[in-house]
Amino acid sequence: MNNGLPADAPEAMDLAQEHRAHITKWFYDCSYEIHRGLGRMYVEDPRFKAHYDAIAPGLAGYSRDVFAANAARAGK
């Protein structure tokens, strides 16, 4: 995001895939559908949006878009 990459850039989607794998390894099976839902929650829940946008303005929405692009790349 900070480098100006679009959400469907391979590098951004690769990071989303690593994020999904991290959740699966340490917490629960994070399917592409669940990952898309997390991205939506990052934007729609004011608490999550405030948290992620405090890290970097626009991060919540960018994460949502990258998670969705990664799922689409996988055909999900």
PDB file of N, CA and C in Angstrom:
ATOM      1  N   MET A   1       0.827  -1.183   0.000  1.00  0.00           N
ATOM      2  CA  MET A   1       0.000   0.000   0.000  1.00  0.00           C
ATOM      3  C   MET A   1       0.872   1.247   0.000  1.00  0.00           C
ATOM      4  N   ASN A   2       1.862   1.273   0.882  1.00  0.00           N
ATOM      5  CA  ASN A   2       2.729   2.447   0.971  1.00  0.00           C
ATOM      6  C   ASN A   2       3.583   2.635  -0.274  1.00  0.00           C
ATOM      7  N   ASN A   3       3.772   1.556  -1.033  1.00  0.00           N
ATOM      8  CA  ASN A   3       4.548   1.648  -2.270  1.00  0.00           C
ATOM      9  C   ASN A   3       3.673   1.951  -3.476  1.00  0.00           C
ATOM     10  N   GLY A   4       2.377   2.167  -3.239  1.00  0.00           N
ATOM     11  CA  GLY A   4       1.470   2.513  -4.323  1.00  0.00           C
ATOM     12  C   GLY A   4       0.996   1.341  -5.155  1.00  0.00           C
ATOM     13  N   LEU A   5       1.190   0.131  -4.663  1.00  0.00           N
ATOM     14  CA  LEU A   5       0.746  -1.040  -5.416  1.00  0.00           C
ATOM     15  C   LEU A   5      -0.768  -1.163  -5.369  1.00  0.00           C
ATOM     16  N   PRO A   6      -1.390  -1.512  -6.487  1.00  0.00           N
ATOM     17  CA  PRO A   6      -2.829  -1.760  -6.459  1.00  0.00           C
ATOM     18  C   PRO A   6      -3.124  -3.044  -5.689  1.00  0.00           C
ATOM     19  N   ALA A   7      -4.363  -3.178  -5.259  1.00  0.00           N
ATOM     20  CA  ALA A   7      -4.756  -4.346  -4.456  1.00  0.00           C
ATOM     21  C   ALA A   7      -4.540  -5.664  -5.194  1.00  0.00           C
ATOM     22  N   ASP A   8      -4.589  -5.647  -6.511  1.00  0.00           N
ATOM     23  CA  ASP A   8      -4.411  -6.891  -7.262  1.00  0.00           C
ATOM     24  C   ASP A   8      -2.980  -7.104  -7.758  1.00  0.00           C
ATOM     25  N   ALA A   9      -2.045  -6.345  -7.205  1.00  0.00           N
ATOM     26  CA  ALA A   9      -0.634  -6.566  -7.545  1.00  0.00           C
ATOM     27  C   ALA A   9      -0.200  -7.910  -6.946  1.00  0.00           C
ATOM     28  N   PRO A  10       0.568  -8.691  -7.688  1.00  0.00           N
ATOM     29  CA  PRO A  10       0.991  -9.991  -7.162  1.00  0.00           C
ATOM     30  C   PRO A  10       1.662  -9.900  -5.787  1.00  0.00           C
ATOM     31  N   GLU A  11       2.478  -8.880  -5.582  1.00  0.00           N
ATOM     32  CA  GLU A  11       3.170  -8.746  -4.294  1.00  0.00           C
ATOM     33  C   GLU A  11       2.176  -8.520  -3.156  1.00  0.00           C
ATOM     34  N   ALA A  12       1.148  -7.735  -3.399  1.00  0.00           N
ATOM     35  CA  ALA A  12       0.136  -7.478  -2.371  1.00  0.00           C
ATOM     36  C   ALA A  12      -0.670  -8.751  -2.091  1.00  0.00           C
ATOM     37  N   MET A  13      -1.051  -9.447  -3.149  1.00  0.00           N
ATOM     38  CA  MET A  13      -1.822 -10.680  -2.964  1.00  0.00           C
ATOM     39  C   MET A  13      -0.988 -11.761  -2.292  1.00  0.00           C
ATOM     40  N   ASP A  14       0.307 -11.794  -2.569  1.00  0.00           N
ATOM     41  CA  ASP A  14       1.181 -12.760  -1.894  1.00  0.00           C
ATOM     42  C   ASP A  14       1.205 -12.503  -0.390  1.00  0.00           C
ATOM     43  N   LEU A  15       1.225 -11.228   0.005  1.00  0.00           N
ATOM     44  CA  LEU A  15       1.181 -10.895   1.438  1.00  0.00           C
ATOM     45  C   LEU A  15      -0.160 -11.288   2.043  1.00  0.00           C
ATOM     46  N   ALA A  16      -1.238 -11.095   1.298  1.00  0.00           N
ATOM     47  CA  ALA A  16      -2.555 -11.514   1.783  1.00  0.00           C
ATOM     48  C   ALA A  16      -2.581 -13.023   1.989  1.00  0.00           C
ATOM     49  N   GLN A  17      -1.954 -13.748   1.079  1.00  0.00           N
ATOM     50  CA  GLN A  17      -1.905 -15.209   1.204  1.00  0.00           C
ATOM     51  C   GLN A  17      -1.100 -15.604   2.444  1.00  0.00           C
ATOM     52  N   GLU A  18      -0.012 -14.910   2.703  1.00  0.00           N
ATOM     53  CA  GLU A  18       0.768 -15.177   3.917  1.00  0.00           C
ATOM     54  C   GLU A  18      -0.063 -14.878   5.162  1.00  0.00           C
ATOM     55  N   HIS A  19      -0.831 -13.808   5.132  1.00  0.00           N
ATOM     56  CA  HIS A  19      -1.705 -13.448   6.251  1.00  0.00           C
ATOM     57  C   HIS A  19      -2.731 -14.553   6.495  1.00  0.00           C
ATOM     58  N   ARG A  20      -3.351 -15.040   5.421  1.00  0.00           N
ATOM     59  CA  ARG A  20      -4.337 -16.117   5.518  1.00  0.00           C
ATOM     60  C   ARG A  20      -3.703 -17.387   6.078  1.00  0.00           C
ATOM     61  N   ALA A  21      -2.507 -17.720   5.609  1.00  0.00           N
ATOM     62  CA  ALA A  21      -1.803 -18.909   6.094  1.00  0.00           C
ATOM     63  C   ALA A  21      -1.426 -18.760   7.572  1.00  0.00           C
ATOM     64  N   HIS A  22      -1.052 -17.567   7.978  1.00  0.00           N
ATOM     65  CA  HIS A  22      -0.711 -17.309   9.384  1.00  0.00           C
ATOM     66  C   HIS A  22      -1.926 -17.553  10.279  1.00  0.00           C
ATOM     67  N   ILE A  23      -3.074 -17.054   9.871  1.00  0.00           N
ATOM     68  CA  ILE A  23      -4.292 -17.267  10.650  1.00  0.00           C
ATOM     69  C   ILE A  23      -4.599 -18.762  10.730  1.00  0.00           C
ATOM     70  N   THR A  24      -4.477 -19.456   9.599  1.00  0.00           N
ATOM     71  CA  THR A  24      -4.750 -20.893   9.578  1.00  0.00           C
ATOM     72  C   THR A  24      -3.787 -21.643  10.494  1.00  0.00           C
ATOM     73  N   LYS A  25      -2.526 -21.288  10.475  1.00  0.00           N
ATOM     74  CA  LYS A  25      -1.532 -21.994  11.292  1.00  0.00           C
ATOM     75  C   LYS A  25      -1.753 -21.777  12.779  1.00  0.00           C
ATOM     76  N   TRP A  26      -2.066 -20.561  13.185  1.00  0.00           N
ATOM     77  CA  TRP A  26      -2.074 -20.231  14.609  1.00  0.00           C
ATOM     78  C   TRP A  26      -3.452 -20.128  15.252  1.00  0.00           C
ATOM     79  N   PHE A  27      -4.515 -19.978  14.451  1.00  0.00           N
ATOM     80  CA  PHE A  27      -5.820 -19.730  15.059  1.00  0.00           C
ATOM     81  C   PHE A  27      -6.908 -20.683  14.584  1.00  0.00           C
ATOM     82  N   TYR A  28      -7.236 -20.673  13.304  1.00  0.00           N
ATOM     83  CA  TYR A  28      -8.325 -21.491  12.776  1.00  0.00           C
ATOM     84  C   TYR A  28      -8.168 -21.574  11.266  1.00  0.00           C
ATOM     85  N   ASP A  29      -8.868 -22.538  10.666  1.00  0.00           N
ATOM     86  CA  ASP A  29      -8.815 -22.678   9.215  1.00  0.00           C
ATOM     87  C   ASP A  29      -9.431 -21.434   8.584  1.00  0.00           C
ATOM     88  N   CYS A  30      -8.606 -20.668   7.924  1.00  0.00           N
ATOM     89  CA  CYS A  30      -9.052 -19.407   7.327  1.00  0.00           C
ATOM     90  C   CYS A  30      -9.218 -19.607   5.825  1.00  0.00           C
ATOM     91  N   SER A  31     -10.415 -20.019   5.443  1.00  0.00           N
ATOM     92  CA  SER A  31     -10.711 -20.193   4.022  1.00  0.00           C
ATOM     93  C   SER A  31     -10.684 -18.829   3.321  1.00  0.00           C
ATOM     94  N   TYR A  32     -10.706 -18.864   2.010  1.00  0.00           N
ATOM     95  CA  TYR A  32     -10.759 -17.606   1.263  1.00  0.00           C
ATOM     96  C   TYR A  32     -12.032 -16.837   1.608  1.00  0.00           C
ATOM     97  N   GLU A  33     -13.141 -17.560   1.788  1.00  0.00           N
ATOM     98  CA  GLU A  33     -14.400 -16.905   2.141  1.00  0.00           C
ATOM     99  C   GLU A  33     -14.293 -16.202   3.497  1.00  0.00           C
ATOM    100  N   ILE A  34     -13.705 -16.880   4.462  1.00  0.00           N
ATOM    101  CA  ILE A  34     -13.513 -16.274   5.780  1.00  0.00           C
ATOM    102  C   ILE A  34     -12.587 -15.071   5.676  1.00  0.00           C
ATOM    103  N   HIS A  35     -11.532 -15.197   4.888  1.00  0.00           N
ATOM    104  CA  HIS A  35     -10.574 -14.103   4.742  1.00  0.00           C
ATOM    105  C   HIS A  35     -11.252 -12.880   4.115  1.00  0.00           C
ATOM    106  N   ARG A  36     -12.096 -13.108   3.107  1.00  0.00           N
ATOM    107  CA  ARG A  36     -12.867 -12.002   2.524  1.00  0.00           C
ATOM    108  C   ARG A  36     -13.727 -11.339   3.598  1.00  0.00           C
ATOM    109  N   GLY A  37     -14.358 -12.165   4.430  1.00  0.00           N
ATOM    110  CA  GLY A  37     -15.195 -11.641   5.506  1.00  0.00           C
ATOM    111  C   GLY A  37     -14.407 -10.816   6.499  1.00  0.00           C
ATOM    112  N   LEU A  38     -13.195 -11.256   6.811  1.00  0.00           N
ATOM    113  CA  LEU A  38     -12.344 -10.468   7.705  1.00  0.00           C
ATOM    114  C   LEU A  38     -12.060  -9.099   7.098  1.00  0.00           C
ATOM    115  N   GLY A  39     -11.773  -9.094   5.816  1.00  0.00           N
ATOM    116  CA  GLY A  39     -11.514  -7.821   5.143  1.00  0.00           C
ATOM    117  C   GLY A  39     -12.703  -6.890   5.221  1.00  0.00           C
ATOM    118  N   ARG A  40     -13.893  -7.435   5.012  1.00  0.00           N
ATOM    119  CA  ARG A  40     -15.106  -6.601   5.126  1.00  0.00           C
ATOM    120  C   ARG A  40     -15.271  -6.098   6.556  1.00  0.00           C
ATOM    121  N   MET A  41     -15.000  -6.957   7.529  1.00  0.00           N
ATOM    122  CA  MET A  41     -15.131  -6.564   8.924  1.00  0.00           C
ATOM    123  C   MET A  41     -14.140  -5.453   9.268  1.00  0.00           C
ATOM    124  N   TYR A  42     -12.948  -5.496   8.701  1.00  0.00           N
ATOM    125  CA  TYR A  42     -11.955  -4.454   8.961  1.00  0.00           C
ATOM    126  C   TYR A  42     -12.486  -3.070   8.576  1.00  0.00           C
ATOM    127  N   VAL A  43     -13.399  -3.033   7.614  1.00  0.00           N
ATOM    128  CA  VAL A  43     -13.957  -1.762   7.148  1.00  0.00           C
ATOM    129  C   VAL A  43     -15.296  -1.451   7.821  1.00  0.00           C
ATOM    130  N   GLU A  44     -16.135  -2.461   7.959  1.00  0.00           N
ATOM    131  CA  GLU A  44     -17.505  -2.232   8.427  1.00  0.00           C
ATOM    132  C   GLU A  44     -17.627  -2.085   9.942  1.00  0.00           C
ATOM    133  N   ASP A  45     -16.725  -2.693  10.697  1.00  0.00           N
ATOM    134  CA  ASP A  45     -16.771  -2.563  12.161  1.00  0.00           C
ATOM    135  C   ASP A  45     -15.907  -1.366  12.543  1.00  0.00           C
ATOM    136  N   PRO A  46     -16.496  -0.352  13.148  1.00  0.00           N
ATOM    137  CA  PRO A  46     -15.734   0.862  13.458  1.00  0.00           C
ATOM    138  C   PRO A  46     -14.512   0.613  14.335  1.00  0.00           C
ATOM    139  N   ARG A  47     -14.567  -0.386  15.193  1.00  0.00           N
ATOM    140  CA  ARG A  47     -13.413  -0.678  16.061  1.00  0.00           C
ATOM    141  C   ARG A  47     -12.235  -1.198  15.246  1.00  0.00           C
ATOM    142  N   PHE A  48     -12.517  -2.121  14.332  1.00  0.00           N
ATOM    143  CA  PHE A  48     -11.447  -2.661  13.497  1.00  0.00           C
ATOM    144  C   PHE A  48     -10.925  -1.585  12.542  1.00  0.00           C
ATOM    145  N   LYS A  49     -11.850  -0.834  11.944  1.00  0.00           N
ATOM    146  CA  LYS A  49     -11.435   0.215  11.013  1.00  0.00           C
ATOM    147  C   LYS A  49     -10.523   1.216  11.710  1.00  0.00           C
ATOM    148  N   ALA A  50     -10.893   1.620  12.908  1.00  0.00           N
ATOM    149  CA  ALA A  50     -10.071   2.580  13.662  1.00  0.00           C
ATOM    150  C   ALA A  50      -8.697   1.992  13.956  1.00  0.00           C
ATOM    151  N   HIS A  51      -8.665   0.712  14.325  1.00  0.00           N
ATOM    152  CA  HIS A  51      -7.390   0.070  14.648  1.00  0.00           C
ATOM    153  C   HIS A  51      -6.465   0.034  13.426  1.00  0.00           C
ATOM    154  N   TYR A  52      -6.964  -0.490  12.314  1.00  0.00           N
ATOM    155  CA  TYR A  52      -6.111  -0.644  11.130  1.00  0.00           C
ATOM    156  C   TYR A  52      -5.777   0.699  10.482  1.00  0.00           C
ATOM    157  N   ASP A  53      -6.725   1.607  10.470  1.00  0.00           N
ATOM    158  CA  ASP A  53      -6.441   2.918   9.881  1.00  0.00           C
ATOM    159  C   ASP A  53      -5.528   3.760  10.761  1.00  0.00           C
ATOM    160  N   ALA A  54      -5.424   3.421  12.051  1.00  0.00           N
ATOM    161  CA  ALA A  54      -4.454   4.099  12.917  1.00  0.00           C
ATOM    162  C   ALA A  54      -3.030   3.654  12.590  1.00  0.00           C
ATOM    163  N   ILE A  55      -2.896   2.433  12.105  1.00  0.00           N
ATOM    164  CA  ILE A  55      -1.579   1.931  11.687  1.00  0.00           C
ATOM    165  C   ILE A  55      -1.128   2.680  10.440  1.00  0.00           C
ATOM    166  N   ALA A  56      -2.057   2.797   9.485  1.00  0.00           N
ATOM    167  CA  ALA A  56      -1.796   3.544   8.250  1.00  0.00           C
ATOM    168  C   ALA A  56      -3.156   3.942   7.677  1.00  0.00           C
ATOM    169  N   PRO A  57      -3.375   5.211   7.436  1.00  0.00           N
ATOM    170  CA  PRO A  57      -4.659   5.638   6.885  1.00  0.00           C
ATOM    171  C   PRO A  57      -4.989   4.882   5.597  1.00  0.00           C
ATOM    172  N   GLY A  58      -6.194   4.305   5.562  1.00  0.00           N
ATOM    173  CA  GLY A  58      -6.635   3.548   4.401  1.00  0.00           C
ATOM    174  C   GLY A  58      -6.311   2.066   4.455  1.00  0.00           C
ATOM    175  N   LEU A  59      -5.600   1.620   5.491  1.00  0.00           N
ATOM    176  CA  LEU A  59      -5.181   0.212   5.564  1.00  0.00           C
ATOM    177  C   LEU A  59      -6.365  -0.736   5.631  1.00  0.00           C
ATOM    178  N   ALA A  60      -7.418  -0.375   6.336  1.00  0.00           N
ATOM    179  CA  ALA A  60      -8.577  -1.267   6.446  1.00  0.00           C
ATOM    180  C   ALA A  60      -9.156  -1.557   5.064  1.00  0.00           C
ATOM    181  N   GLY A  61      -9.411  -0.526   4.293  1.00  0.00           N
ATOM    182  CA  GLY A  61      -9.985  -0.710   2.966  1.00  0.00           C
ATOM    183  C   GLY A  61      -9.036  -1.408   2.007  1.00  0.00           C
ATOM    184  N   TYR A  62      -7.777  -1.067   2.092  1.00  0.00           N
ATOM    185  CA  TYR A  62      -6.787  -1.712   1.229  1.00  0.00           C
ATOM    186  C   TYR A  62      -6.704  -3.202   1.546  1.00  0.00           C
ATOM    187  N   SER A  63      -6.711  -3.547   2.836  1.00  0.00           N
ATOM    188  CA  SER A  63      -6.674  -4.959   3.227  1.00  0.00           C
ATOM    189  C   SER A  63      -7.883  -5.698   2.671  1.00  0.00           C
ATOM    190  N   ARG A  64      -9.063  -5.096   2.820  1.00  0.00           N
ATOM    191  CA  ARG A  64     -10.281  -5.706   2.278  1.00  0.00           C
ATOM    192  C   ARG A  64     -10.117  -5.979   0.787  1.00  0.00           C
ATOM    193  N   ASP A  65      -9.620  -5.010   0.066  1.00  0.00           N
ATOM    194  CA  ASP A  65      -9.484  -5.152  -1.384  1.00  0.00           C
ATOM    195  C   ASP A  65      -8.441  -6.191  -1.761  1.00  0.00           C
ATOM    196  N   VAL A  66      -7.346  -6.240  -1.018  1.00  0.00           N
ATOM    197  CA  VAL A  66      -6.290  -7.222  -1.308  1.00  0.00           C
ATOM    198  C   VAL A  66      -6.767  -8.632  -0.976  1.00  0.00           C
ATOM    199  N   PHE A  67      -7.460  -8.796   0.153  1.00  0.00           N
ATOM    200  CA  PHE A  67      -7.974 -10.121   0.511  1.00  0.00           C
ATOM    201  C   PHE A  67      -8.935 -10.606  -0.572  1.00  0.00           C
ATOM    202  N   ALA A  68      -9.797  -9.720  -1.066  1.00  0.00           N
ATOM    203  CA  ALA A  68     -10.742 -10.092  -2.120  1.00  0.00           C
ATOM    204  C   ALA A  68     -10.002 -10.427  -3.417  1.00  0.00           C
ATOM    205  N   ALA A  69      -9.001  -9.645  -3.762  1.00  0.00           N
ATOM    206  CA  ALA A  69      -8.236  -9.920  -4.983  1.00  0.00           C
ATOM    207  C   ALA A  69      -7.514 -11.251  -4.884  1.00  0.00           C
ATOM    208  N   ASN A  70      -6.968 -11.557  -3.712  1.00  0.00           N
ATOM    209  CA  ASN A  70      -6.267 -12.824  -3.526  1.00  0.00           C
ATOM    210  C   ASN A  70      -7.234 -14.000  -3.664  1.00  0.00           C
ATOM    211  N   ALA A  71      -8.434 -13.863  -3.102  1.00  0.00           N
ATOM    212  CA  ALA A  71      -9.432 -14.927  -3.227  1.00  0.00           C
ATOM    213  C   ALA A  71      -9.828 -15.108  -4.696  1.00  0.00           C
ATOM    214  N   ALA A  72     -10.007 -14.018  -5.403  1.00  0.00           N
ATOM    215  CA  ALA A  72     -10.354 -14.094  -6.823  1.00  0.00           C
ATOM    216  C   ALA A  72      -9.240 -14.761  -7.619  1.00  0.00           C
ATOM    217  N   ARG A  73      -7.999 -14.448  -7.282  1.00  0.00           N
ATOM    218  CA  ARG A  73      -6.862 -15.075  -7.967  1.00  0.00           C
ATOM    219  C   ARG A  73      -6.892 -16.578  -7.796  1.00  0.00           C
ATOM    220  N   ALA A  74      -7.368 -17.029  -6.612  1.00  0.00           N
ATOM    221  CA  ALA A  74      -7.461 -18.468  -6.332  1.00  0.00           C
ATOM    222  C   ALA A  74      -8.735 -19.086  -6.891  1.00  0.00           C
ATOM    223  N   GLY A  75      -9.569 -18.255  -7.521  1.00  0.00           N
ATOM    224  CA  GLY A  75     -10.812 -18.764  -8.080  1.00  0.00           C
ATOM    225  C   GLY A  75     -11.893 -18.964  -7.039  1.00  0.00           C
ATOM    226  N   LYS A  76     -11.776 -18.248  -5.930  1.00  0.00           N
ATOM    227  CA  LYS A  76     -12.743 -18.402  -4.821  1.00  0.00           C
ATOM    228  C   LYS A  76     -13.593 -17.171  -4.670  1.00  0.00           C
TER     229      LYS A  76
END
